[in-house]
PDB file of N, CA and C in Angstrom:
ATOM      1  N   UNK A   1      21.549   2.550   3.570  1.00  0.00           N
ATOM      2  CA  UNK A   1      21.974   1.760   2.448  1.00  0.00           C
ATOM      3  C   UNK A   1      23.379   1.210   2.638  1.00  0.00           C
ATOM      4  N   UNK A   2      24.212   1.941   3.348  1.00  0.00           N
ATOM      5  CA  UNK A   2      25.575   1.460   3.576  1.00  0.00           C
ATOM      6  C   UNK A   2      25.555   0.139   4.327  1.00  0.00           C
ATOM      7  N   UNK A   3      24.668   0.023   5.312  1.00  0.00           N
ATOM      8  CA  UNK A   3      24.606  -1.213   6.084  1.00  0.00           C
ATOM      9  C   UNK A   3      24.158  -2.387   5.221  1.00  0.00           C
ATOM     10  N   UNK A   4      23.150  -2.188   4.370  1.00  0.00           N
ATOM     11  CA  UNK A   4      22.692  -3.269   3.497  1.00  0.00           C
ATOM     12  C   UNK A   4      23.731  -3.618   2.440  1.00  0.00           C
ATOM     13  N   UNK A   5      24.493  -2.655   1.987  1.00  0.00           N
ATOM     14  CA  UNK A   5      25.559  -2.942   1.025  1.00  0.00           C
ATOM     15  C   UNK A   5      26.649  -3.791   1.676  1.00  0.00           C
ATOM     16  N   UNK A   6      26.899  -3.553   2.953  1.00  0.00           N
ATOM     17  CA  UNK A   6      27.922  -4.297   3.688  1.00  0.00           C
ATOM     18  C   UNK A   6      27.411  -5.676   4.103  1.00  0.00           C
ATOM     19  N   UNK A   7      26.168  -5.743   4.585  1.00  0.00           N
ATOM     20  CA  UNK A   7      25.573  -6.987   5.084  1.00  0.00           C
ATOM     21  C   UNK A   7      24.127  -7.019   4.605  1.00  0.00           C
ATOM     22  N   UNK A   8      23.829  -7.858   3.635  1.00  0.00           N
ATOM     23  CA  UNK A   8      22.534  -7.838   2.953  1.00  0.00           C
ATOM     24  C   UNK A   8      21.395  -8.483   3.741  1.00  0.00           C
ATOM     25  N   UNK A   9      21.653  -9.006   4.922  1.00  0.00           N
ATOM     26  CA  UNK A   9      20.566  -9.609   5.699  1.00  0.00           C
ATOM     27  C   UNK A   9      19.571  -8.536   6.134  1.00  0.00           C
ATOM     28  N   UNK A  10      18.265  -8.890   6.056  1.00  0.00           N
ATOM     29  CA  UNK A  10      17.261  -7.919   6.477  1.00  0.00           C
ATOM     30  C   UNK A  10      16.014  -8.631   6.979  1.00  0.00           C
ATOM     31  N   UNK A  11      15.192  -7.896   7.701  1.00  0.00           N
ATOM     32  CA  UNK A  11      13.912  -8.396   8.189  1.00  0.00           C
ATOM     33  C   UNK A  11      12.877  -7.294   8.015  1.00  0.00           C
ATOM     34  N   UNK A  12      11.637  -7.712   7.848  1.00  0.00           N
ATOM     35  CA  UNK A  12      10.532  -6.779   7.677  1.00  0.00           C
ATOM     36  C   UNK A  12       9.342  -7.331   8.446  1.00  0.00           C
ATOM     37  N   UNK A  13       8.688  -6.489   9.228  1.00  0.00           N
ATOM     38  CA  UNK A  13       7.526  -6.918   9.995  1.00  0.00           C
ATOM     39  C   UNK A  13       6.380  -5.954   9.730  1.00  0.00           C
ATOM     40  N   UNK A  14       5.207  -6.511   9.438  1.00  0.00           N
ATOM     41  CA  UNK A  14       3.988  -5.721   9.268  1.00  0.00           C
ATOM     42  C   UNK A  14       2.994  -6.243  10.287  1.00  0.00           C
ATOM     43  N   UNK A  15       2.498  -5.337  11.134  1.00  0.00           N
ATOM     44  CA  UNK A  15       1.574  -5.768  12.179  1.00  0.00           C
ATOM     45  C   UNK A  15       0.271  -5.003  12.111  1.00  0.00           C
ATOM     46  N   UNK A  16      -0.760  -5.643  12.631  1.00  0.00           N
ATOM     47  CA  UNK A  16      -2.086  -5.037  12.730  1.00  0.00           C
ATOM     48  C   UNK A  16      -2.705  -5.570  14.013  1.00  0.00           C
ATOM     49  N   UNK A  17      -2.518  -4.830  15.086  1.00  0.00           N
ATOM     50  CA  UNK A  17      -3.013  -5.304  16.374  1.00  0.00           C
ATOM     51  C   UNK A  17      -2.263  -6.548  16.802  1.00  0.00           C
ATOM     52  N   UNK A  18      -2.985  -7.640  16.982  1.00  0.00           N
ATOM     53  CA  UNK A  18      -2.373  -8.901  17.411  1.00  0.00           C
ATOM     54  C   UNK A  18      -1.955  -9.775  16.225  1.00  0.00           C
ATOM     55  N   UNK A  19      -2.201  -9.329  15.016  1.00  0.00           N
ATOM     56  CA  UNK A  19      -1.806 -10.089  13.825  1.00  0.00           C
ATOM     57  C   UNK A  19      -0.523  -9.502  13.257  1.00  0.00           C
ATOM     58  N   UNK A  20       0.311 -10.378  12.704  1.00  0.00           N
ATOM     59  CA  UNK A  20       1.537  -9.875  12.079  1.00  0.00           C
ATOM     60  C   UNK A  20       2.077 -10.869  11.063  1.00  0.00           C
ATOM     61  N   UNK A  21       2.900 -10.352  10.174  1.00  0.00           N
ATOM     62  CA  UNK A  21       3.704 -11.166   9.260  1.00  0.00           C
ATOM     63  C   UNK A  21       5.119 -10.626   9.347  1.00  0.00           C
ATOM     64  N   UNK A  22       6.070 -11.513   9.543  1.00  0.00           N
ATOM     65  CA  UNK A  22       7.476 -11.138   9.641  1.00  0.00           C
ATOM     66  C   UNK A  22       8.245 -11.899   8.567  1.00  0.00           C
ATOM     67  N   UNK A  23       9.048 -11.174   7.803  1.00  0.00           N
ATOM     68  CA  UNK A  23       9.832 -11.769   6.723  1.00  0.00           C
ATOM     69  C   UNK A  23      11.311 -11.612   7.019  1.00  0.00           C
ATOM     70  N   UNK A  24      12.092 -12.644   6.737  1.00  0.00           N
ATOM     71  CA  UNK A  24      13.546 -12.578   6.845  1.00  0.00           C
ATOM     72  C   UNK A  24      14.130 -12.938   5.490  1.00  0.00           C
ATOM     73  N   UNK A  25      15.246 -12.319   5.148  1.00  0.00           N
ATOM     74  CA  UNK A  25      15.870 -12.621   3.872  1.00  0.00           C
ATOM     75  C   UNK A  25      17.073 -11.746   3.610  1.00  0.00           C
ATOM     76  N   UNK A  26      17.391 -11.609   2.332  1.00  0.00           N
ATOM     77  CA  UNK A  26      18.535 -10.789   1.938  1.00  0.00           C
ATOM     78  C   UNK A  26      18.071  -9.692   0.983  1.00  0.00           C
ATOM     79  N   UNK A  27      18.782  -8.582   1.031  1.00  0.00           N
ATOM     80  CA  UNK A  27      18.434  -7.415   0.222  1.00  0.00           C
ATOM     81  C   UNK A  27      19.295  -7.346  -1.026  1.00  0.00           C
ATOM     82  N   UNK A  28      18.670  -6.903  -2.100  1.00  0.00           N
ATOM     83  CA  UNK A  28      19.389  -6.563  -3.329  1.00  0.00           C
ATOM     84  C   UNK A  28      19.098  -5.088  -3.584  1.00  0.00           C
ATOM     85  N   UNK A  29      20.118  -4.262  -3.570  1.00  0.00           N
ATOM     86  CA  UNK A  29      19.942  -2.833  -3.817  1.00  0.00           C
ATOM     87  C   UNK A  29      19.802  -2.592  -5.315  1.00  0.00           C
ATOM     88  N   UNK A  30      18.823  -1.783  -5.701  1.00  0.00           N
ATOM     89  CA  UNK A  30      18.541  -1.513  -7.111  1.00  0.00           C
ATOM     90  C   UNK A  30      18.728  -0.024  -7.366  1.00  0.00           C
ATOM     91  N   UNK A  31      19.870   0.340  -7.923  1.00  0.00           N
ATOM     92  CA  UNK A  31      20.154   1.739  -8.227  1.00  0.00           C
ATOM     93  C   UNK A  31      19.790   2.086  -9.670  1.00  0.00           C
ATOM     94  N   UNK A  32      19.642   1.077 -10.524  1.00  0.00           N
ATOM     95  CA  UNK A  32      19.335   1.288 -11.938  1.00  0.00           C
ATOM     96  C   UNK A  32      17.923   1.851 -12.085  1.00  0.00           C
ATOM     97  N   UNK A  33      17.804   3.060 -12.615  1.00  0.00           N
ATOM     98  CA  UNK A  33      16.505   3.728 -12.729  1.00  0.00           C
ATOM     99  C   UNK A  33      15.560   2.982 -13.672  1.00  0.00           C
ATOM    100  N   UNK A  34      16.071   2.342 -14.712  1.00  0.00           N
ATOM    101  CA  UNK A  34      15.201   1.597 -15.621  1.00  0.00           C
ATOM    102  C   UNK A  34      14.588   0.398 -14.920  1.00  0.00           C
ATOM    103  N   UNK A  35      15.373  -0.304 -14.099  1.00  0.00           N
ATOM    104  CA  UNK A  35      14.836  -1.418 -13.316  1.00  0.00           C
ATOM    105  C   UNK A  35      13.776  -0.928 -12.343  1.00  0.00           C
ATOM    106  N   UNK A  36      14.037   0.199 -11.689  1.00  0.00           N
ATOM    107  CA  UNK A  36      13.064   0.749 -10.744  1.00  0.00           C
ATOM    108  C   UNK A  36      11.775   1.137 -11.459  1.00  0.00           C
ATOM    109  N   UNK A  37      11.905   1.765 -12.617  1.00  0.00           N
ATOM    110  CA  UNK A  37      10.712   2.176 -13.370  1.00  0.00           C
ATOM    111  C   UNK A  37       9.890   0.963 -13.777  1.00  0.00           C
ATOM    112  N   UNK A  38      10.557  -0.084 -14.247  1.00  0.00           N
ATOM    113  CA  UNK A  38       9.854  -1.304 -14.638  1.00  0.00           C
ATOM    114  C   UNK A  38       9.129  -1.909 -13.440  1.00  0.00           C
ATOM    115  N   UNK A  39       9.798  -1.975 -12.283  1.00  0.00           N
ATOM    116  CA  UNK A  39       9.158  -2.527 -11.088  1.00  0.00           C
ATOM    117  C   UNK A  39       7.918  -1.729 -10.697  1.00  0.00           C
ATOM    118  N   UNK A  40       8.032  -0.398 -10.700  1.00  0.00           N
ATOM    119  CA  UNK A  40       6.890   0.448 -10.322  1.00  0.00           C
ATOM    120  C   UNK A  40       5.762   0.312 -11.339  1.00  0.00           C
ATOM    121  N   UNK A  41       6.075   0.420 -12.622  1.00  0.00           N
ATOM    122  CA  UNK A  41       5.039   0.424 -13.660  1.00  0.00           C
ATOM    123  C   UNK A  41       4.419  -0.943 -13.913  1.00  0.00           C
ATOM    124  N   UNK A  42       5.193  -2.027 -13.765  1.00  0.00           N
ATOM    125  CA  UNK A  42       4.677  -3.348 -14.102  1.00  0.00           C
ATOM    126  C   UNK A  42       4.199  -4.143 -12.896  1.00  0.00           C
ATOM    127  N   UNK A  43       4.781  -3.914 -11.728  1.00  0.00           N
ATOM    128  CA  UNK A  43       4.462  -4.764 -10.583  1.00  0.00           C
ATOM    129  C   UNK A  43       3.759  -4.018  -9.452  1.00  0.00           C
ATOM    130  N   UNK A  44       4.345  -2.952  -8.985  1.00  0.00           N
ATOM    131  CA  UNK A  44       3.833  -2.269  -7.799  1.00  0.00           C
ATOM    132  C   UNK A  44       2.607  -1.423  -8.127  1.00  0.00           C
ATOM    133  N   UNK A  45       2.725  -0.551  -9.121  1.00  0.00           N
ATOM    134  CA  UNK A  45       1.627   0.346  -9.467  1.00  0.00           C
ATOM    135  C   UNK A  45       0.321  -0.365  -9.787  1.00  0.00           C
ATOM    136  N   UNK A  46       0.308  -1.274 -10.765  1.00  0.00           N
ATOM    137  CA  UNK A  46      -0.949  -1.925 -11.125  1.00  0.00           C
ATOM    138  C   UNK A  46      -1.588  -2.685  -9.959  1.00  0.00           C
ATOM    139  N   UNK A  47      -0.774  -3.285  -9.126  1.00  0.00           N
ATOM    140  CA  UNK A  47      -1.324  -4.089  -8.036  1.00  0.00           C
ATOM    141  C   UNK A  47      -1.944  -3.237  -6.938  1.00  0.00           C
ATOM    142  N   UNK A  48      -1.296  -2.147  -6.591  1.00  0.00           N
ATOM    143  CA  UNK A  48      -1.732  -1.383  -5.424  1.00  0.00           C
ATOM    144  C   UNK A  48      -2.482  -0.101  -5.743  1.00  0.00           C
ATOM    145  N   UNK A  49      -2.186   0.560  -6.860  1.00  0.00           N
ATOM    146  CA  UNK A  49      -2.859   1.833  -7.133  1.00  0.00           C
ATOM    147  C   UNK A  49      -3.377   1.936  -8.564  1.00  0.00           C
ATOM    148  N   UNK A  50      -3.272   0.893  -9.353  1.00  0.00           N
ATOM    149  CA  UNK A  50      -3.756   0.931 -10.730  1.00  0.00           C
ATOM    150  C   UNK A  50      -2.668   1.382 -11.695  1.00  0.00           C
ATOM    151  N   UNK A  51      -2.788   0.943 -12.935  1.00  0.00           N
ATOM    152  CA  UNK A  51      -1.756   1.207 -13.941  1.00  0.00           C
ATOM    153  C   UNK A  51      -1.541   2.704 -14.162  1.00  0.00           C
ATOM    154  N   UNK A  52      -2.617   3.452 -14.356  1.00  0.00           N
ATOM    155  CA  UNK A  52      -2.491   4.882 -14.658  1.00  0.00           C
ATOM    156  C   UNK A  52      -1.862   5.639 -13.498  1.00  0.00           C
ATOM    157  N   UNK A  53      -2.319   5.373 -12.269  1.00  0.00           N
ATOM    158  CA  UNK A  53      -1.744   6.052 -11.111  1.00  0.00           C
ATOM    159  C   UNK A  53      -0.312   5.598 -10.859  1.00  0.00           C
ATOM    160  N   UNK A  54      -0.002   4.331 -11.167  1.00  0.00           N
ATOM    161  CA  UNK A  54       1.365   3.840 -11.017  1.00  0.00           C
ATOM    162  C   UNK A  54       2.334   4.594 -11.917  1.00  0.00           C
ATOM    163  N   UNK A  55       1.907   4.843 -13.142  1.00  0.00           N
ATOM    164  CA  UNK A  55       2.757   5.597 -14.068  1.00  0.00           C
ATOM    165  C   UNK A  55       2.938   7.034 -13.596  1.00  0.00           C
ATOM    166  N   UNK A  56       1.881   7.639 -13.056  1.00  0.00           N
ATOM    167  CA  UNK A  56       2.011   9.006 -12.525  1.00  0.00           C
ATOM    168  C   UNK A  56       2.901   9.019 -11.292  1.00  0.00           C
ATOM    169  N   UNK A  57       2.798   7.983 -10.473  1.00  0.00           N
ATOM    170  CA  UNK A  57       3.649   7.901  -9.279  1.00  0.00           C
ATOM    171  C   UNK A  57       5.113   7.824  -9.691  1.00  0.00           C
ATOM    172  N   UNK A  58       5.406   7.104 -10.780  1.00  0.00           N
ATOM    173  CA  UNK A  58       6.793   7.007 -11.239  1.00  0.00           C
ATOM    174  C   UNK A  58       7.335   8.383 -11.597  1.00  0.00           C
ATOM    175  N   UNK A  59       6.506   9.255 -12.153  1.00  0.00           N
ATOM    176  CA  UNK A  59       6.953  10.606 -12.499  1.00  0.00           C
ATOM    177  C   UNK A  59       7.458  11.346 -11.262  1.00  0.00           C
ATOM    178  N   UNK A  60       6.860  11.108 -10.111  1.00  0.00           N
ATOM    179  CA  UNK A  60       7.310  11.712  -8.848  1.00  0.00           C
ATOM    180  C   UNK A  60       8.579  11.021  -8.357  1.00  0.00           C
ATOM    181  N   UNK A  61       8.582   9.693  -8.393  1.00  0.00           N
ATOM    182  CA  UNK A  61       9.710   8.914  -7.870  1.00  0.00           C
ATOM    183  C   UNK A  61      10.994   9.196  -8.649  1.00  0.00           C
ATOM    184  N   UNK A  62      10.908   9.283  -9.972  1.00  0.00           N
ATOM    185  CA  UNK A  62      12.133   9.399 -10.774  1.00  0.00           C
ATOM    186  C   UNK A  62      12.875  10.710 -10.545  1.00  0.00           C
ATOM    187  N   UNK A  63      12.196  11.713 -10.004  1.00  0.00           N
ATOM    188  CA  UNK A  63      12.865  12.981  -9.715  1.00  0.00           C
ATOM    189  C   UNK A  63      13.542  12.978  -8.346  1.00  0.00           C
ATOM    190  N   UNK A  64      13.366  11.916  -7.584  1.00  0.00           N
ATOM    191  CA  UNK A  64      13.950  11.858  -6.243  1.00  0.00           C
ATOM    192  C   UNK A  64      15.230  11.026  -6.251  1.00  0.00           C
ATOM    193  N   UNK A  65      15.978  11.137  -5.196  1.00  0.00           N
ATOM    194  CA  UNK A  65      17.232  10.397  -5.044  1.00  0.00           C
ATOM    195  C   UNK A  65      16.943   9.142  -4.224  1.00  0.00           C
ATOM    196  N   UNK A  66      16.553   8.067  -4.894  1.00  0.00           N
ATOM    197  CA  UNK A  66      16.154   6.841  -4.203  1.00  0.00           C
ATOM    198  C   UNK A  66      16.929   5.646  -4.735  1.00  0.00           C
ATOM    199  N   UNK A  67      17.032   4.656  -3.871  1.00  0.00           N
ATOM    200  CA  UNK A  67      17.565   3.354  -4.258  1.00  0.00           C
ATOM    201  C   UNK A  67      16.509   2.337  -3.872  1.00  0.00           C
ATOM    202  N   UNK A  68      16.151   1.470  -4.803  1.00  0.00           N
ATOM    203  CA  UNK A  68      15.164   0.439  -4.513  1.00  0.00           C
ATOM    204  C   UNK A  68      15.799  -0.727  -3.771  1.00  0.00           C
ATOM    205  N   UNK A  69      14.961  -1.468  -3.057  1.00  0.00           N
ATOM    206  CA  UNK A  69      15.413  -2.665  -2.349  1.00  0.00           C
ATOM    207  C   UNK A  69      14.493  -3.811  -2.745  1.00  0.00           C
ATOM    208  N   UNK A  70      15.074  -4.876  -3.283  1.00  0.00           N
ATOM    209  CA  UNK A  70      14.340  -6.117  -3.535  1.00  0.00           C
ATOM    210  C   UNK A  70      14.724  -7.086  -2.433  1.00  0.00           C
ATOM    211  N   UNK A  71      13.737  -7.728  -1.862  1.00  0.00           N
ATOM    212  CA  UNK A  71      14.011  -8.667  -0.770  1.00  0.00           C
ATOM    213  C   UNK A  71      13.808 -10.095  -1.260  1.00  0.00           C
ATOM    214  N   UNK A  72      14.818 -10.914  -1.088  1.00  0.00           N
ATOM    215  CA  UNK A  72      14.725 -12.348  -1.370  1.00  0.00           C
ATOM    216  C   UNK A  72      14.375 -13.022  -0.043  1.00  0.00           C
ATOM    217  N   UNK A  73      13.153 -13.495   0.066  1.00  0.00           N
ATOM    218  CA  UNK A  73      12.625 -13.998   1.335  1.00  0.00           C
ATOM    219  C   UNK A  73      13.088 -15.429   1.574  1.00  0.00           C
ATOM    220  N   UNK A  74      13.606 -15.676   2.788  1.00  0.00           N
ATOM    221  CA  UNK A  74      14.032 -17.023   3.162  1.00  0.00           C
ATOM    222  C   UNK A  74      13.168 -17.613   4.276  1.00  0.00           C
ATOM    223  N   UNK A  75      12.553 -16.771   5.106  1.00  0.00           N
ATOM    224  CA  UNK A  75      11.690 -17.249   6.195  1.00  0.00           C
ATOM    225  C   UNK A  75      10.485 -16.335   6.335  1.00  0.00           C
ATOM    226  N   UNK A  76       9.342 -16.953   6.653  1.00  0.00           N
ATOM    227  CA  UNK A  76       8.115 -16.201   6.915  1.00  0.00           C
ATOM    228  C   UNK A  76       7.553 -16.678   8.244  1.00  0.00           C
ATOM    229  N   UNK A  77       7.225 -15.728   9.107  1.00  0.00           N
ATOM    230  CA  UNK A  77       6.565 -16.019  10.379  1.00  0.00           C
ATOM    231  C   UNK A  77       5.268 -15.220  10.382  1.00  0.00           C
ATOM    232  N   UNK A  78       4.183 -15.853  10.822  1.00  0.00           N
ATOM    233  CA  UNK A  78       2.908 -15.138  10.847  1.00  0.00           C
ATOM    234  C   UNK A  78       2.096 -15.571  12.054  1.00  0.00           C
ATOM    235  N   UNK A  79       1.228 -14.660  12.480  1.00  0.00           N
ATOM    236  CA  UNK A  79       0.325 -14.966  13.584  1.00  0.00           C
ATOM    237  C   UNK A  79      -1.004 -14.271  13.317  1.00  0.00           C
ATOM    238  N   UNK A  80      -2.065 -15.032  13.373  1.00  0.00           N
ATOM    239  CA  UNK A  80      -3.395 -14.468  13.251  1.00  0.00           C
ATOM    240  C   UNK A  80      -3.825 -14.082  11.854  1.00  0.00           C
ATOM    241  N   UNK A  81      -3.095 -14.521  10.852  1.00  0.00           N
ATOM    242  CA  UNK A  81      -3.487 -14.190   9.476  1.00  0.00           C
ATOM    243  C   UNK A  81      -3.836 -15.441   8.702  1.00  0.00           C
TER     244      UNK A  81
END
């Protein structure tokens, strides 16, 4: 987190064999627990694991020492998708 706080540039790559998506952009660190809870309960949970499981997942997350990262994407590279 210290590096992202100093220099917010970041990249993320997800690959599957010969296919990949690579994202470039800047990071916004989210330390506010209410913002994190809203993101998990309203955006991440329902989309990937369902509303009920998302809320239960938040119960686990809120007890941990985490900082969220929001990525503002400026470039996308993809192959085979």
